[in-house]
Protein backbone atom coordinates (compact mmCIF):
# COMPACT_ATOMS: atom_id res chain seq x y z
CA MET A 1 76.70 110.26 104.18
CA GLN A 2 79.77 112.41 105.24
CA ASN A 3 81.83 109.34 106.40
CA THR A 4 81.48 107.02 103.42
CA ILE A 5 84.01 106.65 100.92
CA THR A 6 81.67 106.89 97.42
CA ASP A 7 83.03 105.92 93.85
CA GLU A 8 82.68 110.18 92.53
CA LYS A 9 85.07 110.04 95.55
CA ILE A 10 87.64 108.39 95.45
CA ASP A 11 87.42 108.60 91.44
CA ARG A 12 88.07 112.64 93.17
CA TYR A 13 90.30 111.70 95.30
CA LEU A 14 92.91 109.67 92.02
CA SER A 15 92.59 113.15 90.03
CA ILE A 16 93.72 115.03 92.67
CA THR A 17 96.61 112.52 93.69
CA LYS A 18 97.10 111.64 89.12
CA LYS A 19 97.33 116.53 88.80
CA ALA A 20 100.52 116.30 91.47
CA LEU A 21 101.90 113.80 89.75
CA ASP A 22 102.00 114.61 86.46
CA LYS A 23 102.59 118.41 87.61
CA LEU A 24 106.24 118.13 90.11
CA LYS A 25 109.78 117.92 88.99
CA ILE A 26 112.47 116.51 89.96
CA ALA A 27 113.73 119.10 92.23
CA ALA A 28 117.47 117.95 92.85
CA PRO A 29 121.11 118.33 91.18
CA ASP A 30 120.40 115.07 88.84
CA ARG A 31 124.36 113.78 90.51
CA SER A 32 124.03 114.45 93.53
CA PHE A 33 122.12 112.44 97.19
CA ASN A 34 118.03 114.25 96.90
CA LYS A 35 118.15 113.12 93.64
CA ARG A 36 118.16 109.47 94.29
CA LEU A 37 115.86 110.20 97.64
CA ALA A 38 113.25 112.34 95.52
CA ASP A 39 113.36 108.72 92.55
CA SER A 40 112.48 106.74 96.04
CA PHE A 41 109.84 109.46 96.97
CA LEU A 42 108.64 109.96 93.33
CA GLU A 43 108.86 105.56 92.56
CA MET A 44 107.18 106.04 96.49
CA ALA A 45 104.03 107.93 95.65
CA THR A 46 103.50 106.41 92.23
CA SER A 47 103.80 103.10 93.84
CA TYR A 48 100.65 103.33 96.20
CA TYR A 49 98.60 105.63 93.38
CA ASN A 50 98.50 102.42 90.80
CA ASP A 51 97.31 100.29 94.25
CA ALA A 52 95.00 102.51 94.92
CA LYS A 53 94.17 102.14 90.96
CA HIS A 54 93.80 98.33 91.39
CA PHE A 55 92.22 98.02 94.27
CA ARG A 56 89.82 100.88 93.67
CA GLU A 57 89.40 98.81 89.98
CA SER A 58 88.21 95.61 92.09
CA GLY A 59 86.07 97.59 94.99
CA ASP A 60 87.86 97.14 97.40
CA LEU A 61 87.39 101.56 97.83
CA VAL A 62 88.92 101.76 101.57
CA THR A 63 92.11 99.91 101.18
CA ALA A 64 91.87 102.65 97.55
CA PHE A 65 91.05 105.76 100.05
CA ALA A 66 93.74 104.49 101.85
CA SER A 67 96.49 104.25 99.18
CA VAL A 68 95.85 107.33 97.72
CA ASN A 69 96.04 109.04 100.92
CA TYR A 70 99.19 107.43 101.36
CA ALA A 71 100.43 108.44 97.36
CA HIS A 72 99.84 112.65 97.68
CA GLY A 73 101.13 112.10 100.91
CA TRP A 74 104.51 111.53 99.29
CA LEU A 75 103.85 113.80 96.78
CA ASP A 76 103.84 116.44 99.21
CA CYS A 77 106.57 115.60 101.67
CA GLY A 78 108.81 115.61 99.18
CA ALA A 79 106.80 118.73 97.40
CA ARG A 80 107.69 120.47 101.53
CA ILE A 81 111.20 119.42 101.53
CA GLY A 82 112.48 120.58 98.30
CA LEU A 83 113.31 117.60 96.72
CA PHE A 84 110.28 118.13 93.85
CA ASP A 85 109.86 121.37 92.16
CA VAL A 86 106.31 122.12 91.84
CA GLY A 87 105.87 125.43 90.99
CA GLY A 88 104.69 126.85 93.89
CA ASP A 89 101.79 125.39 93.73
CA ASP A 90 99.34 125.60 97.74
CA GLN A 91 96.45 123.52 96.59
CA LEU A 92 97.45 120.67 95.26
CA PHE A 93 100.42 119.64 97.38
CA THR A 94 101.35 121.30 101.15
CA LEU A 95 103.95 123.34 101.23
CA TYR A 96 106.10 125.03 104.39
CA GLU A 97 104.82 128.31 103.32
């Protein structure tokens, strides 16, 4: 069924988000305000990703699915506004152009 969250579907989304986390680099200079902002975005994404893994392991696939999508939203936003260097990857990230 299209509208069912399966083990395979959540595992696929977790894998995609893990690849995105592993790929990005902080683009902002170390002593800049944007570095603090980038670190905060990355912390939020990582926290939601870890939450998603926890919910997946406990069998709550709905909350896991919500959490992993929220995590990836933080990554997409950070990439789109230039906090993260993602090497122009428009498959793992939603870029502006």
